[in-house]
PDB file of all heavy atoms in Angstrom:
ATOM      1  N   VAL A   1     -54.038  17.972  40.431  1.00  0.00           N
ATOM      2  CA  VAL A   1     -52.588  17.984  40.184  1.00  0.00           C
ATOM      3  C   VAL A   1     -52.181  19.403  39.805  1.00  0.00           C
ATOM      4  O   VAL A   1     -52.604  20.042  38.869  1.00  0.00           O
ATOM      5  CB  VAL A   1     -52.258  17.033  39.002  1.00  0.00           C
ATOM      6  CG1 VAL A   1     -50.687  17.144  38.670  1.00  0.00           C
ATOM      7  CG2 VAL A   1     -52.737  15.655  39.227  1.00  0.00           C
ATOM      8  N   GLU A   2     -51.309  19.906  40.811  1.00  0.00           N
ATOM      9  CA  GLU A   2     -50.703  21.224  40.520  1.00  0.00           C
ATOM     10  C   GLU A   2     -49.437  21.236  39.703  1.00  0.00           C
ATOM     11  O   GLU A   2     -48.736  20.316  39.573  1.00  0.00           O
ATOM     12  CB  GLU A   2     -50.350  21.874  41.866  1.00  0.00           C
ATOM     13  CG  GLU A   2     -51.517  22.023  42.892  1.00  0.00           C
ATOM     14  CD  GLU A   2     -51.443  20.882  43.871  1.00  0.00           C
ATOM     15  OE1 GLU A   2     -50.944  19.810  43.464  1.00  0.00           O
ATOM     16  OE2 GLU A   2     -52.024  20.996  44.982  1.00  0.00           O
ATOM     17  N   SER A   3     -49.186  22.383  39.028  1.00  0.00           N
ATOM     18  CA  SER A   3     -47.948  22.535  38.306  1.00  0.00           C
ATOM     19  C   SER A   3     -47.762  24.020  38.184  1.00  0.00           C
ATOM     20  O   SER A   3     -48.554  24.884  38.458  1.00  0.00           O
ATOM     21  CB  SER A   3     -48.026  21.964  36.772  1.00  0.00           C
ATOM     22  OG  SER A   3     -49.111  22.550  36.126  1.00  0.00           O
ATOM     23  N   GLY A   4     -46.456  24.324  37.750  1.00  0.00           N
ATOM     24  CA  GLY A   4     -46.073  25.788  37.443  1.00  0.00           C
ATOM     25  C   GLY A   4     -45.155  26.389  38.518  1.00  0.00           C
ATOM     26  O   GLY A   4     -44.805  27.519  38.304  1.00  0.00           O
ATOM     27  N   GLY A   5     -44.914  25.605  39.582  1.00  0.00           N
ATOM     28  CA  GLY A   5     -43.978  26.220  40.601  1.00  0.00           C
ATOM     29  C   GLY A   5     -42.580  26.357  40.021  1.00  0.00           C
ATOM     30  O   GLY A   5     -42.316  25.816  39.048  1.00  0.00           O
ATOM     31  N   GLY A   6     -41.745  27.032  40.848  1.00  0.00           N
ATOM     32  CA  GLY A   6     -40.376  27.169  40.465  1.00  0.00           C
ATOM     33  C   GLY A   6     -39.623  28.254  41.349  1.00  0.00           C
ATOM     34  O   GLY A   6     -40.165  28.725  42.302  1.00  0.00           O
ATOM     35  N   LEU A   7     -38.502  28.562  40.892  1.00  0.00           N
ATOM     36  CA  LEU A   7     -37.575  29.535  41.555  1.00  0.00           C
ATOM     37  C   LEU A   7     -37.670  30.845  40.781  1.00  0.00           C
ATOM     38  O   LEU A   7     -37.366  30.948  39.655  1.00  0.00           O
ATOM     39  CB  LEU A   7     -36.182  29.018  41.715  1.00  0.00           C
ATOM     40  CG  LEU A   7     -35.177  29.900  42.251  1.00  0.00           C
ATOM     41  CD1 LEU A   7     -35.514  30.377  43.683  1.00  0.00           C
ATOM     42  CD2 LEU A   7     -33.768  29.319  42.116  1.00  0.00           C
ATOM     43  N   VAL A   8     -38.000  31.892  41.484  1.00  0.00           N
ATOM     44  CA  VAL A   8     -38.063  33.180  40.858  1.00  0.00           C
ATOM     45  C   VAL A   8     -37.465  34.223  41.749  1.00  0.00           C
ATOM     46  O   VAL A   8     -37.190  34.002  42.958  1.00  0.00           O
ATOM     47  CB  VAL A   8     -39.480  33.609  40.494  1.00  0.00           C
ATOM     48  CG1 VAL A   8     -40.028  32.671  39.501  1.00  0.00           C
ATOM     49  CG2 VAL A   8     -40.369  33.690  41.727  1.00  0.00           C
ATOM     50  N   GLN A   9     -37.292  35.471  41.290  1.00  0.00           N
ATOM     51  CA  GLN A   9     -36.836  36.516  42.050  1.00  0.00           C
ATOM     52  C   GLN A   9     -37.937  37.407  42.526  1.00  0.00           C
ATOM     53  O   GLN A   9     -38.967  37.444  42.031  1.00  0.00           O
ATOM     54  CB  GLN A   9     -35.840  37.340  41.237  1.00  0.00           C
ATOM     55  CG  GLN A   9     -34.527  36.590  40.850  1.00  0.00           C
ATOM     56  CD  GLN A   9     -33.409  37.527  40.180  1.00  0.00           C
ATOM     57  OE1 GLN A   9     -33.724  38.439  39.516  1.00  0.00           O
ATOM     58  NE2 GLN A   9     -32.235  37.190  40.286  1.00  0.00           N
ATOM     59  N   ALA A  10     -37.677  38.144  43.575  1.00  0.00           N
ATOM     60  CA  ALA A  10     -38.619  39.071  44.108  1.00  0.00           C
ATOM     61  C   ALA A  10     -39.071  40.062  43.019  1.00  0.00           C
ATOM     62  O   ALA A  10     -38.233  40.511  42.234  1.00  0.00           O
ATOM     63  CB  ALA A  10     -38.074  39.784  45.317  1.00  0.00           C
ATOM     64  N   GLY A  11     -40.297  40.242  42.900  1.00  0.00           N
ATOM     65  CA  GLY A  11     -40.816  41.092  41.971  1.00  0.00           C
ATOM     66  C   GLY A  11     -41.370  40.445  40.697  1.00  0.00           C
ATOM     67  O   GLY A  11     -42.154  40.918  39.885  1.00  0.00           O
ATOM     68  N   ASP A  12     -40.978  39.161  40.614  1.00  0.00           N
ATOM     69  CA  ASP A  12     -41.302  38.394  39.298  1.00  0.00           C
ATOM     70  C   ASP A  12     -42.758  37.897  39.463  1.00  0.00           C
ATOM     71  O   ASP A  12     -43.417  37.954  40.526  1.00  0.00           O
ATOM     72  CB  ASP A  12     -40.415  37.196  39.179  1.00  0.00           C
ATOM     73  CG  ASP A  12     -39.061  37.636  38.645  1.00  0.00           C
ATOM     74  OD1 ASP A  12     -38.926  38.764  38.317  1.00  0.00           O
ATOM     75  OD2 ASP A  12     -38.085  36.775  38.598  1.00  0.00           O
ATOM     76  N   SER A  13     -43.230  37.362  38.386  1.00  0.00           N
ATOM     77  CA  SER A  13     -44.493  36.638  38.387  1.00  0.00           C
ATOM     78  C   SER A  13     -44.412  35.207  38.097  1.00  0.00           C
ATOM     79  O   SER A  13     -43.429  34.738  37.579  1.00  0.00           O
ATOM     80  CB  SER A  13     -45.373  37.328  37.311  1.00  0.00           C
ATOM     81  OG  SER A  13     -45.538  38.716  37.440  1.00  0.00           O
ATOM     82  N   LEU A  14     -45.506  34.478  38.496  1.00  0.00           N
ATOM     83  CA  LEU A  14     -45.586  33.089  38.274  1.00  0.00           C
ATOM     84  C   LEU A  14     -47.041  32.725  38.185  1.00  0.00           C
ATOM     85  O   LEU A  14     -47.890  33.253  38.883  1.00  0.00           O
ATOM     86  CB  LEU A  14     -44.870  32.278  39.414  1.00  0.00           C
ATOM     87  CG  LEU A  14     -44.261  30.802  39.254  1.00  0.00           C
ATOM     88  CD1 LEU A  14     -43.235  30.888  38.138  1.00  0.00           C
ATOM     89  CD2 LEU A  14     -43.741  30.413  40.565  1.00  0.00           C
ATOM     90  N   ARG A  15     -47.282  31.703  37.323  1.00  0.00           N
ATOM     91  CA  ARG A  15     -48.689  31.177  37.205  1.00  0.00           C
ATOM     92  C   ARG A  15     -48.803  29.806  37.489  1.00  0.00           C
ATOM     93  O   ARG A  15     -48.070  28.916  36.864  1.00  0.00           O
ATOM     94  CB  ARG A  15     -49.139  31.439  35.770  1.00  0.00           C
ATOM     95  CG  ARG A  15     -50.701  31.197  35.655  1.00  0.00           C
ATOM     96  CD  ARG A  15     -51.045  30.928  34.203  1.00  0.00           C
ATOM     97  NE  ARG A  15     -52.461  31.120  33.809  1.00  0.00           N
ATOM     98  CZ  ARG A  15     -52.988  30.626  32.804  1.00  0.00           C
ATOM     99  NH1 ARG A  15     -52.334  30.025  31.884  1.00  0.00           N
ATOM    100  NH2 ARG A  15     -54.330  30.797  32.645  1.00  0.00           N
ATOM    101  N   LEU A  16     -49.550  29.447  38.488  1.00  0.00           N
ATOM    102  CA  LEU A  16     -49.742  28.008  38.888  1.00  0.00           C
ATOM    103  C   LEU A  16     -51.030  27.511  38.190  1.00  0.00           C
ATOM    104  O   LEU A  16     -51.952  28.190  37.994  1.00  0.00           O
ATOM    105  CB  LEU A  16     -49.822  27.978  40.514  1.00  0.00           C
ATOM    106  CG  LEU A  16     -48.769  28.481  41.262  1.00  0.00           C
ATOM    107  CD1 LEU A  16     -48.984  28.120  42.697  1.00  0.00           C
ATOM    108  CD2 LEU A  16     -47.429  27.835  40.839  1.00  0.00           C
ATOM    109  N   SER A  17     -50.997  26.230  37.874  1.00  0.00           N
ATOM    110  CA  SER A  17     -52.147  25.575  37.338  1.00  0.00           C
ATOM    111  C   SER A  17     -52.498  24.402  38.199  1.00  0.00           C
ATOM    112  O   SER A  17     -51.649  23.768  38.841  1.00  0.00           O
ATOM    113  CB  SER A  17     -51.784  25.132  35.896  1.00  0.00           C
ATOM    114  OG  SER A  17     -51.553  26.252  34.993  1.00  0.00           O
ATOM    115  N   CYS A  18     -53.871  24.059  38.147  1.00  0.00           N
ATOM    116  CA  CYS A  18     -54.377  22.961  38.868  1.00  0.00           C
ATOM    117  C   CYS A  18     -55.292  22.183  37.971  1.00  0.00           C
ATOM    118  O   CYS A  18     -56.357  22.806  37.575  1.00  0.00           O
ATOM    119  CB  CYS A  18     -55.078  23.241  40.149  1.00  0.00           C
ATOM    120  SG  CYS A  18     -55.899  22.040  41.020  1.00  0.00           S
ATOM    121  N   ALA A  19     -55.043  20.974  37.552  1.00  0.00           N
ATOM    122  CA  ALA A  19     -55.768  20.175  36.740  1.00  0.00           C
ATOM    123  C   ALA A  19     -56.598  19.180  37.553  1.00  0.00           C
ATOM    124  O   ALA A  19     -56.073  18.554  38.400  1.00  0.00           O
ATOM    125  CB  ALA A  19     -54.966  19.365  35.689  1.00  0.00           C
ATOM    126  N   ALA A  20     -57.914  19.214  37.310  1.00  0.00           N
ATOM    127  CA  ALA A  20     -58.846  18.393  38.079  1.00  0.00           C
ATOM    128  C   ALA A  20     -59.372  17.252  37.241  1.00  0.00           C
ATOM    129  O   ALA A  20     -59.488  17.448  35.916  1.00  0.00           O
ATOM    130  CB  ALA A  20     -60.123  19.213  38.643  1.00  0.00           C
ATOM    131  N   SER A  21     -59.662  16.185  37.830  1.00  0.00           N
ATOM    132  CA  SER A  21     -60.186  15.029  37.072  1.00  0.00           C
ATOM    133  C   SER A  21     -61.267  14.306  38.071  1.00  0.00           C
ATOM    134  O   SER A  21     -61.070  14.393  39.260  1.00  0.00           O
ATOM    135  CB  SER A  21     -59.271  14.053  36.456  1.00  0.00           C
ATOM    136  OG  SER A  21     -58.427  13.482  37.625  1.00  0.00           O
ATOM    137  N   GLY A  22     -62.233  13.714  37.428  1.00  0.00           N
ATOM    138  CA  GLY A  22     -63.259  13.009  38.236  1.00  0.00           C
ATOM    139  C   GLY A  22     -64.148  14.010  38.837  1.00  0.00           C
ATOM    140  O   GLY A  22     -63.934  15.246  39.002  1.00  0.00           O
ATOM    141  N   GLY A  23     -65.343  13.542  39.401  1.00  0.00           N
ATOM    142  CA  GLY A  23     -66.300  14.379  39.966  1.00  0.00           C
ATOM    143  C   GLY A  23     -66.938  15.379  39.153  1.00  0.00           C
ATOM    144  O   GLY A  23     -66.685  15.488  37.885  1.00  0.00           O
ATOM    145  N   THR A  24     -67.785  16.219  39.654  1.00  0.00           N
ATOM    146  CA  THR A  24     -68.345  17.322  38.981  1.00  0.00           C
ATOM    147  C   THR A  24     -67.731  18.562  39.329  1.00  0.00           C
ATOM    148  O   THR A  24     -68.010  19.215  40.228  1.00  0.00           O
ATOM    149  CB  THR A  24     -69.942  17.327  39.364  1.00  0.00           C
ATOM    150  OG1 THR A  24     -70.567  16.035  39.254  1.00  0.00           O
ATOM    151  CG2 THR A  24     -70.646  18.262  38.494  1.00  0.00           C
ATOM    152  N   PHE A  25     -66.680  18.916  38.562  1.00  0.00           N
ATOM    153  CA  PHE A  25     -65.875  20.001  38.856  1.00  0.00           C
ATOM    154  C   PHE A  25     -66.460  21.323  39.080  1.00  0.00           C
ATOM    155  O   PHE A  25     -66.228  22.091  40.001  1.00  0.00           O
ATOM    156  CB  PHE A  25     -64.862  20.167  37.698  1.00  0.00           C
ATOM    157  CG  PHE A  25     -63.834  21.351  37.943  1.00  0.00           C
ATOM    158  CD1 PHE A  25     -62.815  21.271  38.884  1.00  0.00           C
ATOM    159  CD2 PHE A  25     -63.978  22.441  37.227  1.00  0.00           C
ATOM    160  CE1 PHE A  25     -61.964  22.211  39.070  1.00  0.00           C
ATOM    161  CE2 PHE A  25     -63.037  23.508  37.369  1.00  0.00           C
ATOM    162  CZ  PHE A  25     -62.076  23.436  38.292  1.00  0.00           C
ATOM    163  N   SER A  26     -67.605  21.568  38.335  1.00  0.00           N
ATOM    164  CA  SER A  26     -68.310  22.833  38.320  1.00  0.00           C
ATOM    165  C   SER A  26     -69.201  23.003  39.637  1.00  0.00           C
ATOM    166  O   SER A  26     -69.760  23.983  39.740  1.00  0.00           O
ATOM    167  CB  SER A  26     -69.241  22.978  37.103  1.00  0.00           C
ATOM    168  OG  SER A  26     -70.162  21.933  37.047  1.00  0.00           O
ATOM    169  N   SER A  27     -69.129  21.936  40.442  1.00  0.00           N
ATOM    170  CA  SER A  27     -70.007  22.061  41.644  1.00  0.00           C
ATOM    171  C   SER A  27     -69.135  22.364  42.902  1.00  0.00           C
ATOM    172  O   SER A  27     -69.540  22.333  44.012  1.00  0.00           O
ATOM    173  CB  SER A  27     -70.775  20.755  41.985  1.00  0.00           C
ATOM    174  OG  SER A  27     -71.781  20.560  41.000  1.00  0.00           O
ATOM    175  N   TYR A  28     -67.854  22.501  42.682  1.00  0.00           N
ATOM    176  CA  TYR A  28     -66.862  22.774  43.696  1.00  0.00           C
ATOM    177  C   TYR A  28     -66.323  24.204  43.796  1.00  0.00           C
ATOM    178  O   TYR A  28     -66.092  24.821  42.761  1.00  0.00           O
ATOM    179  CB  TYR A  28     -65.677  21.816  43.477  1.00  0.00           C
ATOM    180  CG  TYR A  28     -65.908  20.339  43.828  1.00  0.00           C
ATOM    181  CD1 TYR A  28     -66.406  19.605  42.849  1.00  0.00           C
ATOM    182  CD2 TYR A  28     -65.581  19.820  45.019  1.00  0.00           C
ATOM    183  CE1 TYR A  28     -66.662  18.304  43.151  1.00  0.00           C
ATOM    184  CE2 TYR A  28     -65.830  18.554  45.349  1.00  0.00           C
ATOM    185  CZ  TYR A  28     -66.416  17.641  44.380  1.00  0.00           C
ATOM    186  OH  TYR A  28     -66.700  16.406  44.668  1.00  0.00           O
ATOM    187  N   THR A  29     -66.382  24.616  45.000  1.00  0.00           N
ATOM    188  CA  THR A  29     -65.475  25.863  45.248  1.00  0.00           C
ATOM    189  C   THR A  29     -64.061  25.498  45.251  1.00  0.00           C
ATOM    190  O   THR A  29     -63.714  24.467  45.923  1.00  0.00           O
ATOM    191  CB  THR A  29     -65.895  26.560  46.633  1.00  0.00           C
ATOM    192  OG1 THR A  29     -67.041  27.244  46.408  1.00  0.00           O
ATOM    193  CG2 THR A  29     -64.825  27.439  47.072  1.00  0.00           C
ATOM    194  N   MET A  30     -63.205  26.223  44.592  1.00  0.00           N
ATOM    195  CA  MET A  30     -61.832  25.832  44.451  1.00  0.00           C
ATOM    196  C   MET A  30     -61.001  26.790  45.314  1.00  0.00           C
ATOM    197  O   MET A  30     -61.279  28.064  45.362  1.00  0.00           O
ATOM    198  CB  MET A  30     -61.380  25.811  43.064  1.00  0.00           C
ATOM    199  CG  MET A  30     -62.080  24.827  42.156  1.00  0.00           C
ATOM    200  SD  MET A  30     -61.872  23.062  42.738  1.00  0.00           S
ATOM    201  CE  MET A  30     -60.159  22.901  42.534  1.00  0.00           C
ATOM    202  N   GLY A  31     -59.893  26.346  45.871  1.00  0.00           N
ATOM    203  CA  GLY A  31     -59.145  27.223  46.746  1.00  0.00           C
ATOM    204  C   GLY A  31     -57.606  26.839  46.544  1.00  0.00           C
ATOM    205  O   GLY A  31     -57.238  25.896  46.023  1.00  0.00           O
ATOM    206  N   TRP A  32     -56.790  27.830  46.848  1.00  0.00           N
ATOM    207  CA  TRP A  32     -55.353  27.680  46.927  1.00  0.00           C
ATOM    208  C   TRP A  32     -54.902  27.880  48.380  1.00  0.00           C
ATOM    209  O   TRP A  32     -55.380  28.929  49.051  1.00  0.00           O
ATOM    210  CB  TRP A  32     -54.610  28.577  46.066  1.00  0.00           C
ATOM    211  CG  TRP A  32     -54.788  28.305  44.497  1.00  0.00           C
ATOM    212  CD1 TRP A  32     -55.610  28.707  43.670  1.00  0.00           C
ATOM    213  CD2 TRP A  32     -53.869  27.418  43.860  1.00  0.00           C
ATOM    214  NE1 TRP A  32     -55.410  28.273  42.455  1.00  0.00           N
ATOM    215  CE2 TRP A  32     -54.346  27.327  42.518  1.00  0.00           C
ATOM    216  CE3 TRP A  32     -52.746  26.662  44.109  1.00  0.00           C
ATOM    217  CZ2 TRP A  32     -53.737  26.554  41.519  1.00  0.00           C
ATOM    218  CZ3 TRP A  32     -52.177  25.874  43.110  1.00  0.00           C
ATOM    219  CH2 TRP A  32     -52.668  25.926  41.816  1.00  0.00           C
ATOM    220  N   PHE A  33     -54.038  27.060  48.895  1.00  0.00           N
ATOM    221  CA  PHE A  33     -53.390  27.114  50.167  1.00  0.00           C
ATOM    222  C   PHE A  33     -51.899  27.133  49.966  1.00  0.00           C
ATOM    223  O   PHE A  33     -51.405  26.685  48.866  1.00  0.00           O
ATOM    224  CB  PHE A  33     -53.885  26.072  51.034  1.00  0.00           C
ATOM    225  CG  PHE A  33     -55.262  26.207  51.631  1.00  0.00           C
ATOM    226  CD1 PHE A  33     -56.325  25.858  50.708  1.00  0.00           C
ATOM    227  CD2 PHE A  33     -55.578  26.656  52.912  1.00  0.00           C
ATOM    228  CE1 PHE A  33     -57.739  26.018  51.171  1.00  0.00           C
ATOM    229  CE2 PHE A  33     -56.910  26.725  53.346  1.00  0.00           C
ATOM    230  CZ  PHE A  33     -58.010  26.370  52.482  1.00  0.00           C
ATOM    231  N   ARG A  34     -51.178  27.534  50.980  1.00  0.00           N
ATOM    232  CA  ARG A  34     -49.718  27.359  50.912  1.00  0.00           C
ATOM    233  C   ARG A  34     -49.249  27.009  52.359  1.00  0.00           C
ATOM    234  O   ARG A  34     -49.707  27.302  53.363  1.00  0.00           O
ATOM    235  CB  ARG A  34     -49.124  28.687  50.381  1.00  0.00           C
ATOM    236  CG  ARG A  34     -49.170  29.888  51.289  1.00  0.00           C
ATOM    237  CD  ARG A  34     -48.765  31.131  50.616  1.00  0.00           C
ATOM    238  NE  ARG A  34     -48.809  32.264  51.503  1.00  0.00           N
ATOM    239  CZ  ARG A  34     -48.544  33.563  51.034  1.00  0.00           C
ATOM    240  NH1 ARG A  34     -48.087  33.719  49.803  1.00  0.00           N
ATOM    241  NH2 ARG A  34     -48.635  34.540  51.885  1.00  0.00           N
ATOM    242  N   GLN A  35     -48.017  26.392  52.283  1.00  0.00           N
ATOM    243  CA  GLN A  35     -47.394  26.019  53.542  1.00  0.00           C
ATOM    244  C   GLN A  35     -45.938  26.193  53.458  1.00  0.00           C
ATOM    245  O   GLN A  35     -45.231  25.593  52.621  1.00  0.00           O
ATOM    246  CB  GLN A  35     -47.757  24.616  53.835  1.00  0.00           C
ATOM    247  CG  GLN A  35     -47.322  24.161  55.288  1.00  0.00           C
ATOM    248  CD  GLN A  35     -47.912  22.876  55.691  1.00  0.00           C
ATOM    249  OE1 GLN A  35     -48.420  22.021  54.923  1.00  0.00           O
ATOM    250  NE2 GLN A  35     -47.878  22.553  57.014  1.00  0.00           N
TER     251      GLN A  35
END
């Protein structure tokens, strides 16, 4: 589950978070994609 998106101006910063549940999280390579 992702969170943290929003509307910002050019040059600003933003921090996205991704909360995981289930599975063995520490055995996964994690990635971010965009579309």
